[in-house]
Amino acid sequence: MIRPTIGFFLLIISISISADPELHWVSSGLNNRDITFSPDGNTLLTTIMSPKNLFAAIAISHKVEGAWSALTIAPFSGQYQDIEAMFSPDGNDLLFASRRPKPQRDGNDWDIWRVDLVDGKWASPVNVGDVNSTGDEFYPSIANNGNLYFTATRD
C-alpha cells in the first residue's frame, strides 16, 4: 500500500517542481516546510510533504552561475519519510529527522540521522545513535562547538 503512494507522490513532485522552476524554484505546489542553506549559500534543502502528510522527502536545489536549479529529491531521500534537514557549520554533513528502519531496535518513531557530504556526493545516511529514543526526535541542529540540539517527545 505504501509503495504506490510513494511512487505517486514522487511523480507529482517531479511534474510540479519541473513545470516552472523560475517562478516556483523553492515551492513545489505541495506542502513545503523546513529550509536550510549550505554555509557557502549554494545549496538549499527543503522538506516536501504529500497531502495529509502521508509521505515526506527532502528536496535539493543548487545555485549555479547565480541561478537556482529546480528542486529535485535529494539522492539520500525519497524512500522513507525524511524531514527537517540542517547543515553542520562546516557544511560537510547534514542532520535530519526520519522514520527510516532503526538499527538494532524496532519502532516507527522519528530519529535523527546524519548524512556526510564526501567529495561533492552524499554518503549513506547513518542513525546518530544514543540520542535517539523510543520517542520522537526532531529539528536537529549542530553548534560550532559540536553540540547537538534537538526537540524530543519523551516521558
N, C-alpha and C. Protein backbone atom coordinates (compact mmCIF):
# COMPACT_ATOMS: atom_id res chain seq x y z
N MET A 1 0.82 -1.20 0.00
CA MET A 1 0.00 0.00 0.00
C MET A 1 0.86 1.26 0.00
N ILE A 2 1.97 1.24 0.75
CA ILE A 2 2.81 2.44 0.81
C ILE A 2 3.55 2.66 -0.50
N ARG A 3 4.06 1.62 -1.14
CA ARG A 3 4.84 1.78 -2.37
C ARG A 3 4.10 2.57 -3.45
N PRO A 4 2.82 2.26 -3.77
CA PRO A 4 2.13 3.09 -4.76
C PRO A 4 2.01 4.55 -4.31
N THR A 5 1.82 4.79 -3.02
CA THR A 5 1.73 6.15 -2.51
C THR A 5 3.05 6.88 -2.75
N ILE A 6 4.17 6.23 -2.45
CA ILE A 6 5.48 6.84 -2.67
C ILE A 6 5.70 7.13 -4.14
N GLY A 7 5.40 6.17 -5.00
CA GLY A 7 5.57 6.37 -6.44
C GLY A 7 4.71 7.50 -6.96
N PHE A 8 3.47 7.54 -6.55
CA PHE A 8 2.56 8.61 -6.96
C PHE A 8 3.04 9.96 -6.46
N PHE A 9 3.48 9.99 -5.19
CA PHE A 9 3.99 11.22 -4.59
C PHE A 9 5.20 11.73 -5.38
N LEU A 10 6.15 10.86 -5.69
CA LEU A 10 7.34 11.28 -6.43
C LEU A 10 6.99 11.73 -7.84
N LEU A 11 6.00 11.10 -8.47
CA LEU A 11 5.55 11.53 -9.79
C LEU A 11 4.96 12.93 -9.72
N ILE A 12 4.13 13.20 -8.74
CA ILE A 12 3.53 14.53 -8.58
C ILE A 12 4.62 15.57 -8.36
N ILE A 13 5.60 15.25 -7.51
CA ILE A 13 6.69 16.19 -7.26
C ILE A 13 7.47 16.47 -8.53
N SER A 14 7.82 15.42 -9.28
CA SER A 14 8.63 15.63 -10.48
C SER A 14 7.90 16.48 -11.50
N ILE A 15 6.59 16.34 -11.60
CA ILE A 15 5.81 17.16 -12.53
C ILE A 15 5.72 18.59 -12.02
N SER A 16 5.38 18.76 -10.74
CA SER A 16 5.14 20.10 -10.24
C SER A 16 6.41 20.91 -10.06
N ILE A 17 7.55 20.29 -9.71
CA ILE A 17 8.75 21.08 -9.49
C ILE A 17 9.50 21.36 -10.77
N SER A 18 9.18 20.64 -11.86
CA SER A 18 9.87 20.93 -13.11
C SER A 18 9.02 21.80 -14.03
N ALA A 19 7.78 22.06 -13.66
CA ALA A 19 6.88 22.81 -14.53
C ALA A 19 7.33 24.24 -14.77
N ASP A 20 7.76 24.93 -13.74
CA ASP A 20 8.15 26.33 -13.89
C ASP A 20 9.20 26.66 -12.84
N PRO A 21 10.46 26.20 -13.03
CA PRO A 21 11.46 26.39 -11.99
C PRO A 21 11.81 27.84 -11.71
N GLU A 22 11.67 28.73 -12.66
CA GLU A 22 11.98 30.13 -12.41
C GLU A 22 10.98 30.75 -11.44
N LEU A 23 9.71 30.44 -11.62
CA LEU A 23 8.68 31.03 -10.78
C LEU A 23 8.55 30.33 -9.44
N HIS A 24 8.75 29.03 -9.42
CA HIS A 24 8.48 28.23 -8.23
C HIS A 24 9.70 27.42 -7.79
N TRP A 25 10.86 27.95 -7.89
CA TRP A 25 12.06 27.15 -7.64
C TRP A 25 12.13 26.59 -6.23
N VAL A 26 11.48 27.22 -5.26
CA VAL A 26 11.51 26.69 -3.91
C VAL A 26 10.13 26.24 -3.44
N SER A 27 9.15 26.29 -4.30
CA SER A 27 7.81 25.87 -3.95
C SER A 27 7.35 24.80 -4.93
N SER A 28 7.04 23.63 -4.42
CA SER A 28 6.63 22.51 -5.26
C SER A 28 5.14 22.56 -5.59
N GLY A 29 4.39 23.41 -4.93
CA GLY A 29 2.94 23.39 -5.06
C GLY A 29 2.32 22.44 -4.05
N LEU A 30 3.15 21.66 -3.37
CA LEU A 30 2.70 20.80 -2.29
C LEU A 30 3.03 21.50 -0.97
N ASN A 31 3.01 20.78 0.10
CA ASN A 31 3.32 21.35 1.41
C ASN A 31 4.85 21.41 1.58
N ASN A 32 5.43 22.59 1.36
CA ASN A 32 6.86 22.79 1.60
C ASN A 32 7.04 23.29 3.02
N ARG A 33 8.04 22.75 3.71
CA ARG A 33 8.34 23.20 5.06
C ARG A 33 9.82 22.96 5.32
N ASP A 34 10.36 23.62 6.29
CA ASP A 34 11.76 23.47 6.69
C ASP A 34 12.68 23.84 5.53
N ILE A 35 13.70 24.64 5.84
CA ILE A 35 14.65 25.03 4.81
C ILE A 35 16.01 25.22 5.46
N THR A 36 17.05 24.81 4.77
CA THR A 36 18.41 25.03 5.22
C THR A 36 19.27 25.36 4.01
N PHE A 37 20.25 26.22 4.23
CA PHE A 37 21.22 26.56 3.21
C PHE A 37 22.59 26.07 3.64
N SER A 38 23.39 25.62 2.69
CA SER A 38 24.77 25.25 2.99
C SER A 38 25.53 26.50 3.43
N PRO A 39 26.60 26.33 4.20
CA PRO A 39 27.35 27.50 4.66
C PRO A 39 27.84 28.41 3.53
N ASP A 40 28.14 27.85 2.36
CA ASP A 40 28.58 28.69 1.24
C ASP A 40 27.41 29.33 0.49
N GLY A 41 26.16 28.99 0.87
CA GLY A 41 24.97 29.60 0.28
C GLY A 41 24.60 29.06 -1.09
N ASN A 42 25.22 27.98 -1.53
CA ASN A 42 24.97 27.48 -2.88
C ASN A 42 24.12 26.21 -2.96
N THR A 43 23.69 25.69 -1.81
CA THR A 43 22.82 24.52 -1.79
C THR A 43 21.69 24.79 -0.82
N LEU A 44 20.48 24.46 -1.24
CA LEU A 44 19.28 24.63 -0.43
C LEU A 44 18.61 23.28 -0.32
N LEU A 45 18.15 22.95 0.89
CA LEU A 45 17.34 21.75 1.10
C LEU A 45 16.06 22.16 1.80
N THR A 46 14.96 21.53 1.41
CA THR A 46 13.65 21.80 1.99
C THR A 46 12.87 20.49 2.05
N THR A 47 11.89 20.43 2.93
CA THR A 47 11.02 19.26 3.03
C THR A 47 9.79 19.47 2.17
N ILE A 48 9.41 18.44 1.43
CA ILE A 48 8.16 18.44 0.68
C ILE A 48 7.31 17.32 1.23
N MET A 49 6.06 17.65 1.62
CA MET A 49 5.16 16.65 2.19
C MET A 49 3.96 16.44 1.27
N SER A 50 3.52 15.20 1.20
CA SER A 50 2.35 14.87 0.41
C SER A 50 1.09 15.35 1.12
N PRO A 51 -0.03 15.41 0.40
CA PRO A 51 -1.27 15.76 1.07
C PRO A 51 -1.53 14.83 2.26
N LYS A 52 -2.07 15.37 3.31
CA LYS A 52 -2.36 14.66 4.56
C LYS A 52 -1.09 14.12 5.22
N ASN A 53 0.07 14.62 4.80
CA ASN A 53 1.36 14.24 5.39
C ASN A 53 1.60 12.73 5.42
N LEU A 54 1.15 12.05 4.36
CA LEU A 54 1.35 10.60 4.29
C LEU A 54 2.79 10.24 3.96
N PHE A 55 3.49 11.16 3.31
CA PHE A 55 4.88 10.91 2.96
C PHE A 55 5.63 12.23 2.90
N ALA A 56 6.92 12.19 3.20
CA ALA A 56 7.76 13.38 3.16
C ALA A 56 9.13 13.04 2.61
N ALA A 57 9.71 13.96 1.88
CA ALA A 57 11.05 13.78 1.33
C ALA A 57 11.79 15.10 1.39
N ILE A 58 13.11 15.03 1.38
CA ILE A 58 13.94 16.22 1.36
C ILE A 58 14.31 16.51 -0.08
N ALA A 59 14.04 17.73 -0.51
CA ALA A 59 14.34 18.16 -1.88
C ALA A 59 15.55 19.08 -1.84
N ILE A 60 16.27 19.15 -2.96
CA ILE A 60 17.52 19.91 -3.02
C ILE A 60 17.54 20.79 -4.27
N SER A 61 18.18 21.94 -4.15
CA SER A 61 18.40 22.86 -5.27
C SER A 61 19.82 23.41 -5.14
N HIS A 62 20.45 23.64 -6.27
CA HIS A 62 21.82 24.18 -6.28
C HIS A 62 21.85 25.51 -7.01
N LYS A 63 22.64 26.43 -6.50
CA LYS A 63 22.84 27.71 -7.16
C LYS A 63 24.03 27.58 -8.11
N VAL A 64 23.76 27.76 -9.39
CA VAL A 64 24.79 27.62 -10.41
C VAL A 64 24.79 28.88 -11.26
N GLU A 65 25.93 29.54 -11.32
CA GLU A 65 26.08 30.79 -12.08
C GLU A 65 24.99 31.79 -11.72
N GLY A 66 24.70 31.89 -10.42
CA GLY A 66 23.74 32.87 -9.92
C GLY A 66 22.28 32.50 -10.03
N ALA A 67 21.97 31.31 -10.55
CA ALA A 67 20.57 30.89 -10.70
C ALA A 67 20.35 29.57 -9.95
N TRP A 68 19.18 29.44 -9.33
CA TRP A 68 18.84 28.22 -8.61
C TRP A 68 18.26 27.18 -9.55
N SER A 69 18.69 25.93 -9.40
CA SER A 69 18.14 24.83 -10.18
C SER A 69 16.76 24.46 -9.63
N ALA A 70 16.00 23.74 -10.43
CA ALA A 70 14.69 23.23 -9.98
C ALA A 70 14.91 22.26 -8.83
N LEU A 71 13.95 22.19 -7.93
CA LEU A 71 14.03 21.23 -6.83
C LEU A 71 13.96 19.81 -7.37
N THR A 72 14.80 18.93 -6.81
CA THR A 72 14.73 17.50 -7.07
C THR A 72 14.83 16.79 -5.73
N ILE A 73 14.42 15.55 -5.68
CA ILE A 73 14.54 14.79 -4.44
C ILE A 73 16.02 14.55 -4.18
N ALA A 74 16.48 14.84 -2.97
CA ALA A 74 17.89 14.64 -2.61
C ALA A 74 18.25 13.16 -2.79
N PRO A 75 19.48 12.88 -3.23
CA PRO A 75 19.88 11.50 -3.51
C PRO A 75 19.71 10.53 -2.34
N PHE A 76 19.78 11.02 -1.11
CA PHE A 76 19.66 10.15 0.06
C PHE A 76 18.23 10.04 0.56
N SER A 77 17.29 10.75 -0.05
CA SER A 77 15.91 10.79 0.42
C SER A 77 14.97 10.18 -0.62
N GLY A 78 13.70 10.04 -0.24
CA GLY A 78 12.69 9.59 -1.18
C GLY A 78 12.18 8.19 -0.94
N GLN A 79 12.89 7.40 -0.15
CA GLN A 79 12.43 6.04 0.12
C GLN A 79 11.68 5.96 1.46
N TYR A 80 12.07 6.80 2.40
CA TYR A 80 11.45 6.84 3.72
C TYR A 80 10.99 8.27 4.00
N GLN A 81 10.24 8.45 5.07
CA GLN A 81 9.84 9.80 5.45
C GLN A 81 11.03 10.53 6.06
N ASP A 82 11.47 11.59 5.40
CA ASP A 82 12.60 12.40 5.85
C ASP A 82 12.16 13.86 5.93
N ILE A 83 12.55 14.54 7.00
CA ILE A 83 12.16 15.95 7.20
C ILE A 83 13.28 16.72 7.89
N GLU A 84 13.17 18.03 7.90
CA GLU A 84 13.93 18.93 8.76
C GLU A 84 15.44 18.83 8.61
N ALA A 85 15.93 18.93 7.39
CA ALA A 85 17.37 18.89 7.16
C ALA A 85 18.06 20.13 7.72
N MET A 86 19.28 19.95 8.23
CA MET A 86 20.07 21.06 8.76
C MET A 86 21.55 20.77 8.53
N PHE A 87 22.23 21.69 7.83
CA PHE A 87 23.67 21.53 7.61
C PHE A 87 24.46 21.70 8.90
N SER A 88 25.58 21.01 8.99
CA SER A 88 26.55 21.26 10.06
C SER A 88 27.24 22.58 9.73
N PRO A 89 27.86 23.23 10.72
CA PRO A 89 28.51 24.52 10.47
C PRO A 89 29.57 24.49 9.36
N ASP A 90 30.27 23.36 9.21
CA ASP A 90 31.29 23.28 8.16
C ASP A 90 30.73 22.82 6.82
N GLY A 91 29.46 22.42 6.79
CA GLY A 91 28.81 22.00 5.54
C GLY A 91 29.19 20.61 5.08
N ASN A 92 29.94 19.87 5.88
CA ASN A 92 30.38 18.55 5.46
C ASN A 92 29.39 17.44 5.77
N ASP A 93 28.39 17.74 6.57
CA ASP A 93 27.33 16.76 6.77
C ASP A 93 26.02 17.45 7.06
N LEU A 94 24.99 16.65 7.04
CA LEU A 94 23.63 17.14 7.17
C LEU A 94 22.93 16.27 8.19
N LEU A 95 22.17 16.88 9.06
CA LEU A 95 21.33 16.15 10.01
C LEU A 95 19.89 16.27 9.56
N PHE A 96 19.09 15.26 9.83
CA PHE A 96 17.66 15.32 9.50
C PHE A 96 16.91 14.31 10.36
N ALA A 97 15.60 14.48 10.44
CA ALA A 97 14.74 13.54 11.15
C ALA A 97 14.13 12.59 10.12
N SER A 98 13.99 11.32 10.52
CA SER A 98 13.47 10.32 9.58
C SER A 98 12.77 9.20 10.32
N ARG A 99 11.88 8.55 9.60
CA ARG A 99 11.21 7.33 10.09
C ARG A 99 11.79 6.10 9.41
N ARG A 100 13.05 6.15 9.06
CA ARG A 100 13.73 5.00 8.46
C ARG A 100 13.77 3.84 9.45
N PRO A 101 13.97 2.61 8.96
CA PRO A 101 14.16 1.49 9.89
C PRO A 101 15.37 1.77 10.79
N LYS A 102 15.22 1.44 12.04
CA LYS A 102 16.25 1.76 13.02
C LYS A 102 17.22 0.60 13.18
N PRO A 103 18.49 0.90 13.34
CA PRO A 103 19.45 -0.18 13.60
C PRO A 103 19.27 -0.71 15.02
N GLN A 104 19.15 -1.99 15.16
CA GLN A 104 19.12 -2.68 16.45
C GLN A 104 17.91 -2.36 17.32
N ARG A 105 16.83 -1.82 16.73
CA ARG A 105 15.60 -1.67 17.51
C ARG A 105 14.42 -1.45 16.57
N ASP A 106 13.22 -1.76 17.07
CA ASP A 106 12.01 -1.56 16.30
C ASP A 106 11.43 -0.19 16.59
N GLY A 107 10.41 0.17 15.85
CA GLY A 107 9.70 1.41 16.13
C GLY A 107 9.47 2.23 14.88
N ASN A 108 8.40 3.01 14.90
CA ASN A 108 8.04 3.88 13.79
C ASN A 108 8.18 5.34 14.19
N ASP A 109 8.97 5.60 15.22
CA ASP A 109 9.16 6.96 15.70
C ASP A 109 10.19 7.69 14.82
N TRP A 110 10.28 8.99 15.01
CA TRP A 110 11.25 9.82 14.28
C TRP A 110 12.59 9.79 15.01
N ASP A 111 13.65 9.52 14.28
CA ASP A 111 15.01 9.54 14.81
C ASP A 111 15.83 10.58 14.06
N ILE A 112 16.95 10.97 14.64
CA ILE A 112 17.87 11.88 13.97
C ILE A 112 18.91 11.04 13.21
N TRP A 113 19.13 11.42 11.99
CA TRP A 113 20.08 10.76 11.11
C TRP A 113 21.10 11.77 10.60
N ARG A 114 22.25 11.26 10.17
CA ARG A 114 23.30 12.11 9.59
C ARG A 114 23.71 11.53 8.24
N VAL A 115 23.94 12.42 7.30
CA VAL A 115 24.49 12.00 6.01
C VAL A 115 25.67 12.92 5.70
N ASP A 116 26.81 12.31 5.37
CA ASP A 116 28.02 13.06 5.10
C ASP A 116 28.09 13.45 3.62
N LEU A 117 28.70 14.58 3.36
CA LEU A 117 28.97 15.04 2.00
C LEU A 117 30.46 14.82 1.76
N VAL A 118 30.78 13.87 0.89
CA VAL A 118 32.17 13.49 0.63
C VAL A 118 32.48 13.71 -0.84
N ASP A 119 33.43 14.59 -1.11
CA ASP A 119 33.82 14.92 -2.49
C ASP A 119 32.61 15.29 -3.36
N GLY A 120 31.70 16.06 -2.77
CA GLY A 120 30.54 16.54 -3.50
C GLY A 120 29.41 15.53 -3.66
N LYS A 121 29.53 14.34 -3.05
CA LYS A 121 28.48 13.32 -3.15
C LYS A 121 28.00 12.94 -1.76
N TRP A 122 26.70 12.67 -1.66
CA TRP A 122 26.11 12.28 -0.38
C TRP A 122 26.39 10.82 -0.11
N ALA A 123 26.86 10.51 1.10
CA ALA A 123 27.07 9.13 1.53
C ALA A 123 25.73 8.55 1.98
N SER A 124 25.74 7.33 2.48
CA SER A 124 24.53 6.71 3.01
C SER A 124 24.21 7.29 4.38
N PRO A 125 22.93 7.56 4.66
CA PRO A 125 22.55 8.08 5.98
C PRO A 125 22.86 7.10 7.10
N VAL A 126 23.22 7.66 8.25
CA VAL A 126 23.56 6.87 9.44
C VAL A 126 22.73 7.39 10.62
N ASN A 127 22.13 6.48 11.36
CA ASN A 127 21.41 6.86 12.57
C ASN A 127 22.43 7.38 13.58
N VAL A 128 22.15 8.53 14.22
CA VAL A 128 23.14 9.11 15.13
C VAL A 128 23.28 8.35 16.45
N GLY A 129 22.41 7.40 16.71
CA GLY A 129 22.62 6.52 17.85
C GLY A 129 21.95 6.92 19.14
N ASP A 130 22.74 7.00 20.21
CA ASP A 130 22.23 7.08 21.57
C ASP A 130 21.32 8.26 21.88
N VAL A 131 21.38 9.34 21.14
CA VAL A 131 20.46 10.45 21.43
C VAL A 131 19.03 10.08 21.06
N ASN A 132 18.88 9.11 20.18
CA ASN A 132 17.55 8.67 19.77
C ASN A 132 16.94 7.74 20.81
N SER A 133 15.64 7.85 20.99
CA SER A 133 14.92 7.06 21.99
C SER A 133 13.73 6.40 21.31
N THR A 134 12.86 5.80 22.11
CA THR A 134 11.62 5.23 21.57
C THR A 134 10.59 6.32 21.31
N GLY A 135 10.87 7.56 21.74
CA GLY A 135 10.04 8.72 21.41
C GLY A 135 10.54 9.35 20.12
N ASP A 136 9.98 10.48 19.77
CA ASP A 136 10.38 11.18 18.55
C ASP A 136 11.47 12.20 18.84
N GLU A 137 12.43 12.30 17.93
CA GLU A 137 13.45 13.34 17.96
C GLU A 137 13.32 14.13 16.66
N PHE A 138 13.28 15.46 16.77
CA PHE A 138 13.04 16.34 15.64
C PHE A 138 14.03 17.49 15.61
N TYR A 139 13.96 18.27 14.56
CA TYR A 139 14.65 19.56 14.40
C TYR A 139 16.11 19.55 14.88
N PRO A 140 16.94 18.67 14.31
CA PRO A 140 18.33 18.65 14.75
C PRO A 140 19.10 19.88 14.29
N SER A 141 20.02 20.30 15.13
CA SER A 141 20.90 21.43 14.81
C SER A 141 22.22 21.18 15.52
N ILE A 142 23.32 21.47 14.84
CA ILE A 142 24.62 21.27 15.45
C ILE A 142 25.34 22.61 15.56
N ALA A 143 25.87 22.89 16.74
CA ALA A 143 26.54 24.15 17.01
C ALA A 143 28.00 24.10 16.53
N ASN A 144 28.63 25.24 16.46
CA ASN A 144 30.04 25.32 16.06
C ASN A 144 30.95 24.46 16.93
N ASN A 145 30.60 24.30 18.20
CA ASN A 145 31.44 23.50 19.10
C ASN A 145 31.13 22.01 19.04
N GLY A 146 30.21 21.60 18.17
CA GLY A 146 29.86 20.19 18.00
C GLY A 146 28.67 19.73 18.81
N ASN A 147 28.11 20.56 19.68
CA ASN A 147 26.93 20.18 20.45
C ASN A 147 25.74 19.96 19.52
N LEU A 148 25.00 18.90 19.76
CA LEU A 148 23.79 18.59 19.00
C LEU A 148 22.59 19.05 19.81
N TYR A 149 21.71 19.83 19.19
CA TYR A 149 20.47 20.30 19.82
C TYR A 149 19.30 19.77 19.00
N PHE A 150 18.22 19.41 19.70
CA PHE A 150 17.04 18.86 19.03
C PHE A 150 15.86 18.93 19.98
N THR A 151 14.66 18.73 19.43
CA THR A 151 13.48 18.59 20.28
C THR A 151 13.14 17.11 20.35
N ALA A 152 12.42 16.73 21.40
CA ALA A 152 12.08 15.31 21.57
C ALA A 152 10.77 15.18 22.32
N THR A 153 10.10 14.07 22.10
CA THR A 153 8.91 13.70 22.89
C THR A 153 9.31 12.52 23.76
N ARG A 154 9.48 12.79 25.04
CA ARG A 154 9.92 11.75 25.98
C ARG A 154 9.14 11.87 27.27
N ASP A 155 9.13 10.78 28.04
CA ASP A 155 8.46 10.80 29.35
C ASP A 155 9.14 11.79 30.26
